[in-house]
Amino acid sequence: MTVQLCEQVQTDWFRTRAELLGEVRTDGPLTWLRDPDGISLMFPERLPADDLARGCRWASSVGLSIGVWLGLRADSRPLAAAGFERG
């Protein structure tokens, strides 16, 4: 099994949960998946600051935290600039 396949399986699972229990939002290259446990951003390839900021405002407005799953090649600097921490 490849890393890419593992990422796809994880994304499919989170997306299915969001479709059944919450909401799926797409903003630019980012797809936000909301379920009862929070909001997830699954393996984004790019993290444009404006799109990231809109997602953060949405999460704040509904009182949910955001979890971001990053691939091996993802640049995490935009997340750090937006106040995210590894964890």
Protein backbone atom coordinates (compact mmCIF):
# COMPACT_ATOMS: atom_id res chain seq x y z
CA MET A 1 0.00 0.00 0.00
CA THR A 2 1.37 3.41 -0.93
CA VAL A 3 1.26 6.59 1.13
CA GLN A 4 -0.95 8.14 -1.56
CA LEU A 5 -3.43 5.28 -1.26
CA CYS A 6 -3.50 5.61 2.54
CA GLU A 7 -4.18 9.35 2.18
CA GLN A 8 -7.04 8.63 -0.23
CA VAL A 9 -8.63 6.04 2.05
CA GLN A 10 -8.43 8.42 5.03
CA THR A 11 -9.88 11.28 2.96
CA ASP A 12 -12.71 9.09 1.66
CA TRP A 13 -13.61 8.07 5.21
CA PHE A 14 -13.67 11.64 6.52
CA ARG A 15 -15.59 12.88 3.46
CA THR A 16 -18.24 10.16 3.85
CA ARG A 17 -18.70 11.09 7.52
CA ALA A 18 -19.03 14.76 6.59
CA GLU A 19 -21.54 14.02 3.83
CA LEU A 20 -23.69 11.93 6.18
CA LEU A 21 -23.29 13.84 9.45
CA GLY A 22 -22.22 17.36 8.62
CA GLU A 23 -21.10 19.40 5.67
CA VAL A 24 -18.54 19.52 2.88
CA ARG A 25 -17.25 22.93 1.76
CA THR A 26 -14.83 23.67 -1.04
CA ASP A 27 -12.97 26.98 -1.13
CA GLY A 28 -10.30 27.30 -3.80
CA PRO A 29 -8.04 24.25 -3.55
CA LEU A 30 -9.21 23.46 0.00
CA THR A 31 -11.98 21.03 0.90
CA TRP A 32 -13.27 21.41 4.45
CA LEU A 33 -15.05 18.42 6.01
CA ARG A 34 -17.30 19.12 9.00
CA ASP A 35 -18.64 16.32 11.16
CA PRO A 36 -19.72 16.18 14.81
CA ASP A 37 -16.08 15.91 15.93
CA GLY A 38 -14.85 19.06 14.21
CA ILE A 39 -13.62 20.31 10.86
CA SER A 40 -10.93 18.54 8.89
CA LEU A 41 -8.75 19.67 6.04
CA MET A 42 -7.46 16.57 4.31
CA PHE A 43 -4.06 16.49 2.62
CA PRO A 44 -4.13 19.85 0.86
CA GLU A 45 -1.52 20.37 -1.82
CA ARG A 46 -1.62 24.15 -1.49
CA LEU A 47 -2.71 26.34 1.42
CA PRO A 48 -3.54 29.81 0.11
CA ALA A 49 -3.70 32.26 3.02
CA ASP A 50 -7.07 33.77 2.03
CA ASP A 51 -8.76 30.39 1.64
CA LEU A 52 -7.26 29.19 4.92
CA ALA A 53 -8.45 32.34 6.71
CA ARG A 54 -12.03 31.85 5.47
CA GLY A 55 -12.03 28.27 6.74
CA CYS A 56 -10.71 29.40 10.12
CA ARG A 57 -13.44 32.06 10.39
CA TRP A 58 -16.07 29.43 9.55
CA ALA A 59 -14.75 27.05 12.20
CA SER A 60 -14.70 29.84 14.76
CA SER A 61 -18.26 30.89 13.89
CA VAL A 62 -19.58 27.37 14.56
CA GLY A 63 -17.36 26.77 17.60
CA LEU A 64 -15.38 23.88 16.16
CA SER A 65 -11.68 23.13 16.01
CA ILE A 66 -9.81 22.28 12.81
CA GLY A 67 -7.60 19.29 12.24
CA VAL A 68 -5.29 19.35 9.23
CA TRP A 69 -3.85 16.20 7.71
CA LEU A 70 -0.72 16.95 5.69
CA GLY A 71 0.99 14.88 3.05
CA LEU A 72 4.73 14.38 2.98
CA ARG A 73 5.33 17.16 0.44
CA ALA A 74 3.01 19.77 1.94
CA ASP A 75 4.43 23.13 2.97
CA SER A 76 3.21 23.73 6.52
CA ARG A 77 4.41 27.35 6.72
CA PRO A 78 0.98 28.83 5.81
CA LEU A 79 -0.55 26.88 8.69
CA ALA A 80 2.04 28.17 11.14
CA ALA A 81 1.42 31.72 9.90
CA ALA A 82 -2.31 31.21 10.58
CA GLY A 83 -1.62 30.10 14.16
CA PHE A 84 -1.79 26.33 13.74
CA GLU A 85 0.49 24.10 15.81
CA ARG A 86 1.62 20.54 15.21
CA GLY A 87 -0.17 18.13 17.40
